[in-house]
Amino acid sequence: MTHTDVLKAAGLTEADLTGGTLAVHSPIDGAEVARVNETDAADMMAIIAKAQEAFRAWRQVPAPRRGELVRLLGEELRKSKEELGAVVTLEAGKIVSEGLGEVQEMIDICDFAVGLSRQLYGLTIASERAGHRMMETWHPLGPCGVITAFNFPVAVWSWNTALALVCGNPVIWKPSEKTPLTAIATMKVMQRALDRFGSEAPVGLVQLVIGGVEIGEALVSSKDVPIISATGSTRMGSVVGPKVMARWGRPILELGGNNAMIVAPSADLDMAVRAIVFSAVGTAGQRCTSLRRVIAHNSIREELAAKLAKAYSSLPIGDPRDGKTLVGPLVDHAARDKMLAALEKARSEGATVHGGKTVSSGVPQGGAYVEPAIAEMPTQSEIVRTETFAPILYLLGYDTLDEAIALQNDVPQGLSSCIFTLNMREAETFLSHAGSDCGIANVNIGPSGAEIGGAFGGEKETGGGRESGSDAWRGYMRRQTNTINYSDRLPLAQGVKFDF
């Protein structure tokens, strides 16, 4: 299928694809595939006001009924999985299975949120006063601004939107300027669900805004958007977080990752190699959970390095639409240049680099294709502690588990981590308070490919936010503590006397 065929199959029209000011290029071949209309910054106040009006209506709809809308969204996504996955491949450069996998994440979170709509539980709390009962209740908070990145152009929106909707909140979505087409296609799916749901869904419940910094700034600065969920770089989060908190809003930040795997002497090396290759190379190393560092015990480091070099040399690099391809393009040539610069920096810091060259033959011309790289490092230097959004894997050695955990934690980011070991003591230590300092810590599995059942997010410069499963729904609601006196007396707490 041509680029145009893919977009038309997903329901995008000539009006969606032409006449705008924002040029959209496919990472596959660098071709311009659309010029989309951007939201006028002057319209943002009206868009936010519409979301506030929708909030006043939507919060009155019972939560299980709100869950029905999300159920319908899941149905529509199932019908559109192939078409939407193809747009993800076209616009983000993911291989076919990863494009489809991203849409599957959307379906999964819809299933999760439907069940959640009947489980927005609060606690009943024992009171110290006779004839009193305490409880906590959870209430909708208001419009949720969702700012997403190019590397997961639709899944992250769905993580936030499915939860926000069942919690009673409208959503305003600002996608990356690099991937607006996936957003437009997704909104068409959303509209089909809204049409089936009926008039209980108010106008402005789910809105899409497209543009650059001005549009994001309007969401981040507005007191009428109490929740901002932003996914992107640590630099972006360092701007967004303080601005949202300065106006007493609630930021949910999903920022950089510099994820490590500790490979212990007892590890199943063949399994570790499989996990390393997918985690480091999948999505061309452009996941926030991509594996950036392998910290291998010195007794097995050379053997592991040889196995990895052999595996890397066999990886098919090319057009992500080809079912045999495992490594597609970087998002653009600027990303390739940053990768090459990082490898030069690594060499200057003592690295031995395998791979990492630009690929120009056997791939579509115009795309930024590179060989995934392995950099054997003498120490955890400055470049190793810096996240480069590309398929670079730094290989380090260690002698003791304490040393390995210290290396794992000695980076500014704190998203995902893992250890490969058959030693129960090592595994449990890694998962303990004295182990990994990340929001995600795994044993005998890589750091990427998280399921939606667990809350997703990390610590330190990763931002501290949580999305998706577990109790992340609380981030989209406000907690209220209630005390009910059903006695004929008015005792005060803590034994205070105030008689008059």
Protein backbone atom coordinates (compact mmCIF):
# COMPACT_ATOMS: atom_id res chain seq x y z
CA MET A 1 0.00 0.00 0.00
CA THR A 2 1.13 3.54 -0.68
CA HIS A 3 1.30 6.17 2.05
CA THR A 4 -1.94 7.64 0.73
CA ASP A 5 -3.68 4.25 0.75
CA VAL A 6 -2.73 3.68 4.39
CA LEU A 7 -4.11 7.05 5.46
CA LYS A 8 -7.32 6.67 3.49
CA ALA A 9 -7.90 3.19 4.93
CA ALA A 10 -7.76 4.75 8.39
CA GLY A 11 -10.47 7.23 7.41
CA LEU A 12 -8.36 10.31 6.83
CA THR A 13 -9.80 12.57 4.16
CA GLU A 14 -8.32 15.07 1.75
CA ALA A 15 -9.39 17.83 4.14
CA ASP A 16 -7.45 16.13 6.97
CA LEU A 17 -4.30 15.77 4.91
CA THR A 18 -4.01 18.98 2.90
CA GLY A 19 -4.19 22.74 3.16
CA GLY A 20 -2.51 23.10 6.54
CA THR A 21 0.74 24.59 7.80
CA LEU A 22 2.21 21.59 9.64
CA ALA A 23 4.20 19.32 7.33
CA VAL A 24 4.20 15.65 8.29
CA HIS A 25 6.97 13.35 7.09
CA SER A 26 7.20 9.58 7.28
CA PRO A 27 10.39 8.25 8.89
CA ILE A 28 10.27 5.38 6.39
CA ASP A 29 11.51 7.47 3.47
CA GLY A 30 11.37 11.08 4.64
CA ALA A 31 8.48 11.80 2.28
CA GLU A 32 6.00 14.51 3.11
CA VAL A 33 2.68 12.69 3.56
CA ALA A 34 0.43 15.52 4.71
CA ARG A 35 0.08 19.16 5.60
CA VAL A 36 -2.35 19.35 8.50
CA ASN A 37 -4.18 22.28 10.00
CA GLU A 38 -2.88 23.56 13.32
CA THR A 39 -5.04 24.82 16.13
CA ASP A 40 -5.09 28.60 16.42
CA ALA A 41 -3.62 29.54 19.80
CA ALA A 42 -6.33 32.20 20.05
CA ASP A 43 -8.94 29.40 20.13
CA MET A 44 -7.46 27.63 23.14
CA MET A 45 -9.50 29.55 25.71
CA ALA A 46 -12.72 28.51 23.98
CA ILE A 47 -11.55 24.90 23.68
CA ILE A 48 -10.74 24.77 27.39
CA ALA A 49 -14.06 26.43 28.25
CA LYS A 50 -15.84 23.75 26.21
CA ALA A 51 -14.00 21.08 28.22
CA GLN A 52 -15.08 22.73 31.46
CA GLU A 53 -18.70 22.76 30.29
CA ALA A 54 -18.41 19.09 29.34
CA PHE A 55 -16.98 18.35 32.78
CA ARG A 56 -20.03 19.76 34.55
CA ALA A 57 -22.24 17.35 32.60
CA TRP A 58 -19.96 14.28 32.48
CA ARG A 59 -19.30 14.18 36.23
CA GLN A 60 -23.04 13.67 36.74
CA VAL A 61 -23.05 10.50 34.63
CA PRO A 62 -22.63 7.41 36.85
CA ALA A 63 -19.15 5.90 36.63
CA PRO A 64 -20.31 2.50 35.28
CA ARG A 65 -22.16 4.35 32.53
CA ARG A 66 -18.99 6.33 31.78
CA GLY A 67 -17.27 2.96 31.52
CA GLU A 68 -19.70 2.00 28.76
CA LEU A 69 -18.24 4.72 26.55
CA VAL A 70 -14.77 3.28 27.08
CA ARG A 71 -16.10 -0.20 26.32
CA LEU A 72 -17.44 1.08 23.00
CA LEU A 73 -14.07 2.72 22.29
CA GLY A 74 -12.41 -0.66 22.85
CA GLU A 75 -14.82 -2.26 20.38
CA GLU A 76 -14.13 0.36 17.75
CA LEU A 77 -10.38 -0.02 18.25
CA ARG A 78 -10.68 -3.75 17.71
CA LYS A 79 -12.42 -3.10 14.40
CA SER A 80 -9.75 -0.58 13.37
CA LYS A 81 -6.64 -2.30 14.72
CA GLU A 82 -5.01 -3.12 11.36
CA GLU A 83 -5.68 0.30 9.84
CA LEU A 84 -4.57 2.31 12.87
CA GLY A 85 -1.51 0.13 13.38
CA ALA A 86 -0.50 0.81 9.78
CA VAL A 87 -0.67 4.57 10.42
CA VAL A 88 1.57 4.12 13.49
CA THR A 89 4.09 2.33 11.24
CA LEU A 90 3.84 5.01 8.57
CA GLU A 91 4.15 8.00 10.90
CA ALA A 92 6.36 6.71 13.74
CA GLY A 93 8.41 4.17 11.77
CA LYS A 94 7.60 1.17 13.97
CA ILE A 95 7.75 -2.32 12.52
CA VAL A 96 4.35 -3.85 11.76
CA SER A 97 4.07 -5.99 14.89
CA GLU A 98 4.96 -3.04 17.12
CA GLY A 99 2.42 -0.80 15.39
CA LEU A 100 -0.25 -3.41 15.97
CA GLY A 101 1.02 -3.96 19.50
CA GLU A 102 0.55 -0.30 20.29
CA VAL A 103 -3.10 -0.44 19.24
CA GLN A 104 -3.47 -3.60 21.34
CA GLU A 105 -2.29 -1.56 24.33
CA MET A 106 -5.16 0.83 23.64
CA ILE A 107 -7.61 -2.07 23.61
CA ASP A 108 -6.14 -3.50 26.81
CA ILE A 109 -6.44 -0.25 28.75
CA CYS A 110 -10.06 0.09 27.62
CA ASP A 111 -10.78 -3.37 29.05
CA PHE A 112 -9.03 -2.40 32.27
CA ALA A 113 -10.92 0.89 32.57
CA VAL A 114 -14.32 -0.69 31.97
CA GLY A 115 -13.81 -2.86 35.05
CA LEU A 116 -12.38 0.09 36.94
CA SER A 117 -15.59 2.06 36.37
CA ARG A 118 -17.23 -0.18 39.00
CA GLN A 119 -14.24 -0.12 41.35
CA LEU A 120 -13.56 3.53 42.24
CA TYR A 121 -13.41 2.43 45.84
CA GLY A 122 -12.99 4.57 48.96
CA LEU A 123 -12.22 3.37 52.49
CA THR A 124 -14.45 3.19 55.53
CA ILE A 125 -12.37 4.42 58.47
CA ALA A 126 -12.83 3.64 62.15
CA SER A 127 -13.59 6.78 64.16
CA GLU A 128 -12.32 7.41 67.68
CA ARG A 129 -15.67 9.07 68.50
CA ALA A 130 -18.70 7.00 69.45
CA GLY A 131 -21.59 7.22 67.02
CA HIS A 132 -19.39 8.48 64.20
CA ARG A 133 -18.31 6.95 60.93
CA MET A 134 -15.52 8.14 58.64
CA MET A 135 -15.06 7.38 54.97
CA GLU A 136 -13.20 8.63 51.94
CA THR A 137 -14.83 9.39 48.62
CA TRP A 138 -13.28 10.09 45.24
CA HIS A 139 -14.61 12.74 42.87
CA PRO A 140 -13.83 13.84 39.30
CA LEU A 141 -11.19 16.55 39.17
CA GLY A 142 -11.76 18.29 35.84
CA PRO A 143 -10.33 18.52 32.31
CA CYS A 144 -7.16 16.53 31.71
CA GLY A 145 -4.60 17.82 29.22
CA VAL A 146 -2.65 14.98 27.59
CA ILE A 147 0.62 15.86 25.83
CA THR A 148 2.11 12.86 24.03
CA ALA A 149 5.42 12.05 22.34
CA PHE A 150 6.13 10.63 18.86
CA ASN A 151 7.40 7.23 19.96
CA PHE A 152 4.06 6.01 21.37
CA PRO A 153 1.74 8.27 19.42
CA VAL A 154 -1.56 6.65 20.44
CA ALA A 155 -1.02 4.25 23.38
CA VAL A 156 -0.10 6.93 25.90
CA TRP A 157 -3.19 8.97 24.97
CA SER A 158 -5.34 5.90 25.62
CA TRP A 159 -3.70 5.18 29.00
CA ASN A 160 -4.72 8.63 30.16
CA THR A 161 -8.02 8.96 28.33
CA ALA A 162 -9.55 5.64 29.35
CA LEU A 163 -8.85 6.36 33.02
CA ALA A 164 -9.77 10.04 32.85
CA LEU A 165 -13.12 9.30 31.22
CA VAL A 166 -14.25 6.67 33.72
CA CYS A 167 -13.10 8.99 36.52
CA GLY A 168 -15.42 11.69 35.15
CA ASN A 169 -12.95 14.00 33.39
CA PRO A 170 -12.91 15.39 29.83
CA VAL A 171 -9.67 15.17 27.83
CA ILE A 172 -7.81 17.63 25.61
CA TRP A 173 -5.08 15.91 23.58
CA LYS A 174 -2.01 17.61 22.15
CA PRO A 175 0.03 15.05 20.17
CA SER A 176 3.63 15.47 19.06
CA GLU A 177 3.99 17.67 15.99
CA LYS A 178 5.77 14.68 14.42
CA THR A 179 2.75 12.37 14.71
CA PRO A 180 -0.53 14.28 14.27
CA LEU A 181 -1.97 11.83 11.74
CA THR A 182 -2.23 8.98 14.23
CA ALA A 183 -4.06 11.40 16.53
CA ILE A 184 -6.53 12.44 13.82
CA ALA A 185 -7.16 8.79 12.93
CA THR A 186 -7.68 7.90 16.59
CA MET A 187 -10.16 10.73 17.08
CA LYS A 188 -12.23 9.30 14.21
CA VAL A 189 -12.36 6.00 16.11
CA MET A 190 -13.28 7.91 19.28
CA GLN A 191 -16.05 9.75 17.45
CA ARG A 192 -17.59 6.46 16.34
CA ALA A 193 -17.70 5.36 19.97
CA LEU A 194 -19.23 8.69 21.01
CA ASP A 195 -21.87 8.41 18.30
CA ARG A 196 -22.85 4.95 19.52
CA PHE A 197 -22.88 6.09 23.14
CA GLY A 198 -25.38 8.86 22.51
CA SER A 199 -26.32 12.22 23.92
CA GLU A 200 -25.10 11.57 27.48
CA ALA A 201 -21.62 12.32 26.17
CA PRO A 202 -21.42 16.14 26.12
CA VAL A 203 -19.87 18.15 23.31
CA GLY A 204 -16.20 18.77 24.07
CA LEU A 205 -15.72 15.59 26.11
CA VAL A 206 -12.67 14.54 24.05
CA GLN A 207 -10.91 17.19 21.97
CA LEU A 208 -7.79 17.27 19.81
CA VAL A 209 -5.50 20.27 19.44
CA ILE A 210 -2.54 20.28 17.03
CA GLY A 211 0.45 22.58 17.13
CA GLY A 212 3.66 23.53 18.83
CA VAL A 213 4.81 25.26 21.98
CA GLU A 214 2.03 27.85 22.05
CA ILE A 215 -0.68 25.20 22.16
CA GLY A 216 1.09 23.23 24.88
CA GLU A 217 1.69 26.41 26.86
CA ALA A 218 -2.02 27.23 26.81
CA LEU A 219 -2.84 23.85 28.38
CA VAL A 220 0.01 23.94 30.87
CA SER A 221 -0.80 27.47 32.07
CA SER A 222 -4.58 27.22 32.35
CA LYS A 223 -6.10 26.89 35.82
CA ASP A 224 -9.12 25.36 34.09
CA VAL A 225 -7.07 22.29 33.14
CA PRO A 226 -6.32 20.85 36.60
CA ILE A 227 -4.49 17.75 35.31
CA ILE A 228 -1.61 17.78 32.84
CA SER A 229 -0.19 14.43 31.77
CA ALA A 230 2.97 15.07 29.76
CA THR A 231 5.22 12.49 28.14
CA GLY A 232 8.56 13.52 26.70
CA SER A 233 12.08 14.52 27.59
CA THR A 234 13.33 15.46 31.03
CA ARG A 235 14.02 18.94 29.66
CA MET A 236 10.37 19.29 28.67
CA GLY A 237 9.23 18.04 32.06
CA SER A 238 11.47 20.50 33.87
CA VAL A 239 9.47 23.27 32.20
CA VAL A 240 5.99 21.73 32.38
CA GLY A 241 6.10 20.43 35.95
CA PRO A 242 6.95 23.69 37.74
CA LYS A 243 4.46 25.67 35.64
CA VAL A 244 1.61 23.32 36.47
CA MET A 245 2.48 23.19 40.16
CA ALA A 246 2.87 26.98 40.34
CA ARG A 247 -0.84 27.29 39.53
CA TRP A 248 -1.68 24.41 41.92
CA GLY A 249 -2.43 21.97 39.12
CA ARG A 250 -1.56 18.28 39.13
CA PRO A 251 1.26 17.14 36.80
CA ILE A 252 1.61 13.51 35.73
CA LEU A 253 5.07 13.41 34.18
CA GLU A 254 6.53 10.52 32.15
CA LEU A 255 10.03 11.64 31.18
CA GLY A 256 13.44 10.21 30.36
CA GLY A 257 14.76 6.73 31.06
CA ASN A 258 18.26 5.28 31.23
CA ASN A 259 17.36 1.70 31.91
CA ALA A 260 19.81 -0.98 32.95
CA MET A 261 20.02 -4.75 33.13
CA ILE A 262 22.29 -6.47 35.64
CA VAL A 263 23.47 -9.85 34.30
CA ALA A 264 24.63 -12.03 37.18
CA PRO A 265 26.99 -15.05 36.97
CA SER A 266 24.06 -17.47 37.33
CA ALA A 267 21.99 -15.86 34.55
CA ASP A 268 20.60 -17.86 31.67
CA LEU A 269 22.74 -16.09 29.07
CA ASP A 270 20.75 -17.17 26.04
CA MET A 271 17.56 -15.79 27.60
CA ALA A 272 19.38 -12.63 28.66
CA VAL A 273 20.64 -12.07 25.11
CA ARG A 274 17.11 -12.37 23.71
CA ALA A 275 15.83 -9.89 26.29
CA ILE A 276 18.71 -7.48 25.70
CA VAL A 277 18.31 -7.43 21.93
CA PHE A 278 14.58 -6.71 21.98
CA SER A 279 14.82 -4.18 24.81
CA ALA A 280 17.75 -2.30 23.27
CA VAL A 281 16.81 -2.53 19.59
CA GLY A 282 13.00 -2.63 19.56
CA THR A 283 11.44 0.58 18.18
CA ALA A 284 15.00 1.39 17.04
CA GLY A 285 15.87 2.19 20.66
CA GLN A 286 13.23 4.91 20.80
CA ARG A 287 11.28 3.78 23.86
CA CYS A 288 11.55 5.51 27.21
CA THR A 289 11.95 1.96 28.57
CA SER A 290 14.58 0.95 26.01
CA LEU A 291 17.58 -0.84 27.50
CA ARG A 292 20.51 1.59 27.52
CA ARG A 293 22.98 -0.14 29.88
CA VAL A 294 24.02 -3.75 30.52
CA ILE A 295 25.97 -4.24 33.74
CA ALA A 296 27.48 -7.72 33.43
CA HIS A 297 29.51 -9.66 35.99
CA ASN A 298 33.13 -9.61 34.91
CA SER A 299 33.29 -13.42 34.88
CA ILE A 300 30.77 -13.52 31.98
CA ARG A 301 31.22 -10.08 30.43
CA GLU A 302 33.39 -11.17 27.47
CA GLU A 303 31.15 -14.13 26.65
CA LEU A 304 28.05 -11.94 26.79
CA ALA A 305 29.68 -9.26 24.61
CA ALA A 306 30.52 -11.87 21.96
CA LYS A 307 26.97 -13.27 21.97
CA LEU A 308 25.50 -9.78 21.65
CA ALA A 309 27.82 -8.79 18.82
CA LYS A 310 26.83 -11.95 16.93
CA ALA A 311 23.11 -11.31 17.52
CA TYR A 312 23.38 -7.67 16.47
CA SER A 313 25.15 -8.59 13.22
CA SER A 314 22.16 -10.72 12.18
CA LEU A 315 19.43 -8.11 12.71
CA PRO A 316 17.43 -7.23 9.57
CA ILE A 317 17.39 -3.43 9.15
CA GLY A 318 15.04 -1.80 6.69
CA ASP A 319 11.51 -0.84 5.71
CA PRO A 320 9.32 -1.35 8.81
CA ARG A 321 6.44 -2.48 6.58
CA ASP A 322 8.43 -5.58 5.58
CA GLY A 323 7.45 -8.42 7.90
CA LYS A 324 11.08 -9.59 8.11
CA THR A 325 12.40 -6.25 9.38
CA LEU A 326 13.27 -5.97 13.07
CA VAL A 327 14.98 -2.56 13.04
CA GLY A 328 13.19 0.29 11.33
CA PRO A 329 14.28 3.90 10.96
CA LEU A 330 14.95 6.56 13.55
CA VAL A 331 12.28 9.22 13.60
CA ASP A 332 14.39 11.70 11.61
CA HIS A 333 17.91 12.61 10.58
CA ALA A 334 18.41 14.79 13.66
CA ALA A 335 17.95 11.67 15.82
CA ARG A 336 20.56 9.86 13.72
CA ASP A 337 23.00 12.74 14.11
CA LYS A 338 22.55 12.69 17.89
CA MET A 339 23.25 8.97 17.93
CA LEU A 340 26.44 9.34 15.90
CA ALA A 341 27.59 12.23 18.13
CA ALA A 342 26.94 10.14 21.25
CA LEU A 343 29.04 7.29 19.85
CA GLU A 344 31.90 9.70 19.12
CA LYS A 345 31.65 10.96 22.68
CA ALA A 346 31.71 7.37 23.96
CA ARG A 347 34.87 6.66 21.94
CA SER A 348 36.52 9.73 23.45
CA GLU A 349 35.66 8.29 26.87
CA GLY A 350 37.34 4.97 26.11
CA ALA A 351 34.60 2.94 24.40
CA THR A 352 35.06 0.07 21.99
CA VAL A 353 32.09 0.41 19.63
CA HIS A 354 30.50 -2.35 17.58
CA GLY A 355 28.05 -1.26 14.86
CA GLY A 356 26.48 2.17 14.85
CA LYS A 357 27.07 2.98 11.19
CA THR A 358 24.62 4.69 8.88
CA VAL A 359 22.79 2.23 6.62
CA SER A 360 22.17 3.40 3.06
CA SER A 361 21.80 0.23 0.98
CA GLY A 362 18.81 -2.10 1.06
CA VAL A 363 16.66 0.49 2.83
CA PRO A 364 14.19 3.12 1.57
CA GLN A 365 16.06 6.23 0.55
CA GLY A 366 15.36 9.34 2.61
CA GLY A 367 14.93 7.58 5.95
CA ALA A 368 17.41 7.66 8.86
CA TYR A 369 18.55 4.04 9.12
CA VAL A 370 21.42 3.01 11.40
CA GLU A 371 23.02 -0.13 12.74
CA PRO A 372 22.26 -0.66 16.43
CA ALA A 373 25.46 -0.11 18.42
CA ILE A 374 27.16 -1.77 21.37
CA ALA A 375 29.68 0.37 23.24
CA GLU A 376 31.93 -1.48 25.68
CA MET A 377 32.78 1.10 28.35
CA PRO A 378 35.60 1.15 30.93
CA THR A 379 33.45 3.17 33.34
CA GLN A 380 29.98 4.68 33.63
CA SER A 381 31.05 7.97 32.09
CA GLU A 382 29.12 11.14 31.32
CA ILE A 383 27.71 9.90 28.01
CA VAL A 384 26.51 6.65 29.64
CA ARG A 385 24.59 8.65 32.23
CA THR A 386 22.93 10.67 29.44
CA GLU A 387 19.88 9.30 27.63
CA THR A 388 20.33 9.19 23.86
CA PHE A 389 17.08 8.25 22.14
CA ALA A 390 18.60 5.73 19.76
CA PRO A 391 19.75 2.07 19.69
CA ILE A 392 22.96 2.48 21.69
CA LEU A 393 23.72 -0.16 24.33
CA TYR A 394 26.53 0.53 26.82
CA LEU A 395 28.21 -2.54 28.31
CA LEU A 396 29.82 -2.26 31.75
CA GLY A 397 31.34 -4.75 34.20
CA TYR A 398 31.01 -5.40 37.94
CA ASP A 399 32.41 -7.66 40.65
CA THR A 400 29.85 -7.51 43.51
CA LEU A 401 26.07 -7.14 43.50
CA ASP A 402 26.32 -4.02 45.65
CA GLU A 403 28.58 -2.48 43.01
CA ALA A 404 26.14 -3.43 40.24
CA ILE A 405 23.14 -1.92 42.04
CA ALA A 406 25.13 1.24 42.74
CA LEU A 407 25.94 1.54 39.01
CA GLN A 408 22.32 0.82 38.09
CA ASN A 409 21.11 3.64 40.39
CA ASP A 410 23.88 6.14 39.60
CA VAL A 411 22.07 7.93 36.77
CA PRO A 412 19.66 10.89 36.91
CA GLN A 413 16.76 8.87 35.49
CA GLY A 414 14.72 6.24 37.33
CA LEU A 415 12.20 4.58 35.03
CA SER A 416 12.81 0.87 34.44
CA SER A 417 15.36 -1.74 35.46
CA CYS A 418 15.95 -5.49 35.59
CA ILE A 419 18.25 -8.26 36.71
CA PHE A 420 18.94 -11.64 35.14
CA THR A 421 19.84 -14.16 37.84
CA LEU A 422 18.85 -17.61 39.07
CA ASN A 423 19.97 -16.66 42.58
CA MET A 424 16.94 -15.92 44.76
CA ARG A 425 18.93 -13.75 47.17
CA GLU A 426 20.19 -11.57 44.34
CA ALA A 427 16.71 -11.25 42.84
CA GLU A 428 15.03 -10.32 46.11
CA THR A 429 17.81 -7.88 47.01
CA PHE A 430 17.37 -6.17 43.67
CA LEU A 431 13.63 -5.76 44.33
CA SER A 432 14.10 -4.60 47.93
CA HIS A 433 14.43 -1.11 49.39
CA ALA A 434 18.19 -1.53 49.02
CA GLY A 435 17.93 -2.47 45.34
CA SER A 436 16.72 -0.71 42.21
CA ASP A 437 15.52 2.88 42.69
CA CYS A 438 13.29 2.77 39.60
CA GLY A 439 9.52 2.79 39.26
CA ILE A 440 9.74 -0.54 37.40
CA ALA A 441 12.03 -3.39 38.50
CA ASN A 442 11.95 -6.81 36.81
CA VAL A 443 13.60 -10.20 37.25
CA ASN A 444 14.56 -12.35 34.25
CA ILE A 445 12.71 -10.10 31.83
CA GLY A 446 13.83 -6.92 30.08
CA PRO A 447 12.90 -3.37 31.11
CA SER A 448 10.52 -2.65 28.21
CA GLY A 449 7.17 -4.02 27.12
CA ALA A 450 5.20 -3.18 30.27
CA GLU A 451 1.65 -4.50 30.61
CA ILE A 452 -1.20 -2.11 31.36
CA GLY A 453 -2.15 -3.89 34.62
CA GLY A 454 0.73 -2.26 36.49
CA ALA A 455 1.12 1.47 37.06
CA PHE A 456 3.68 2.84 34.60
CA GLY A 457 6.20 5.52 35.57
CA GLY A 458 9.42 6.26 37.38
CA GLU A 459 11.36 8.31 39.91
CA LYS A 460 14.00 11.06 39.90
CA GLU A 461 14.25 12.85 36.55
CA THR A 462 11.66 10.47 35.12
CA GLY A 463 9.14 12.69 36.86
CA GLY A 464 7.37 10.54 39.43
CA GLY A 465 4.13 10.21 37.45
CA ARG A 466 2.08 7.04 37.12
CA GLU A 467 -0.25 6.07 34.28
CA SER A 468 -2.20 3.02 33.19
CA GLY A 469 -3.05 0.26 35.68
CA SER A 470 -2.95 -0.45 39.41
CA ASP A 471 -4.21 2.56 41.43
CA ALA A 472 -3.04 5.20 38.91
CA TRP A 473 -6.71 6.23 38.56
CA ARG A 474 -6.34 8.21 41.78
CA GLY A 475 -4.19 10.72 39.91
CA TYR A 476 -7.27 11.74 37.94
CA MET A 477 -9.56 12.27 40.95
CA ARG A 478 -9.72 14.28 44.15
CA ARG A 479 -9.94 12.54 47.50
CA GLN A 480 -12.45 13.72 50.09
CA THR A 481 -12.62 12.56 53.71
CA ASN A 482 -16.13 12.48 55.20
CA THR A 483 -17.17 12.18 58.85
CA ILE A 484 -20.81 11.31 59.66
CA ASN A 485 -22.18 11.77 63.18
CA TYR A 486 -25.25 9.59 63.71
CA SER A 487 -25.33 10.06 67.52
CA ASP A 488 -27.09 12.66 69.67
CA ARG A 489 -23.80 13.97 71.04
CA LEU A 490 -20.98 16.14 69.66
CA PRO A 491 -17.70 14.81 71.07
CA LEU A 492 -14.51 16.46 69.79
CA ALA A 493 -11.53 14.56 68.45
CA GLN A 494 -8.39 14.07 70.52
CA GLY A 495 -10.46 14.49 73.72
CA VAL A 496 -10.67 18.26 73.35
CA LYS A 497 -13.20 19.92 75.73
CA PHE A 498 -14.96 23.08 74.62
CA ASP A 499 -18.03 23.45 76.83
CA PHE A 500 -20.04 26.64 76.93
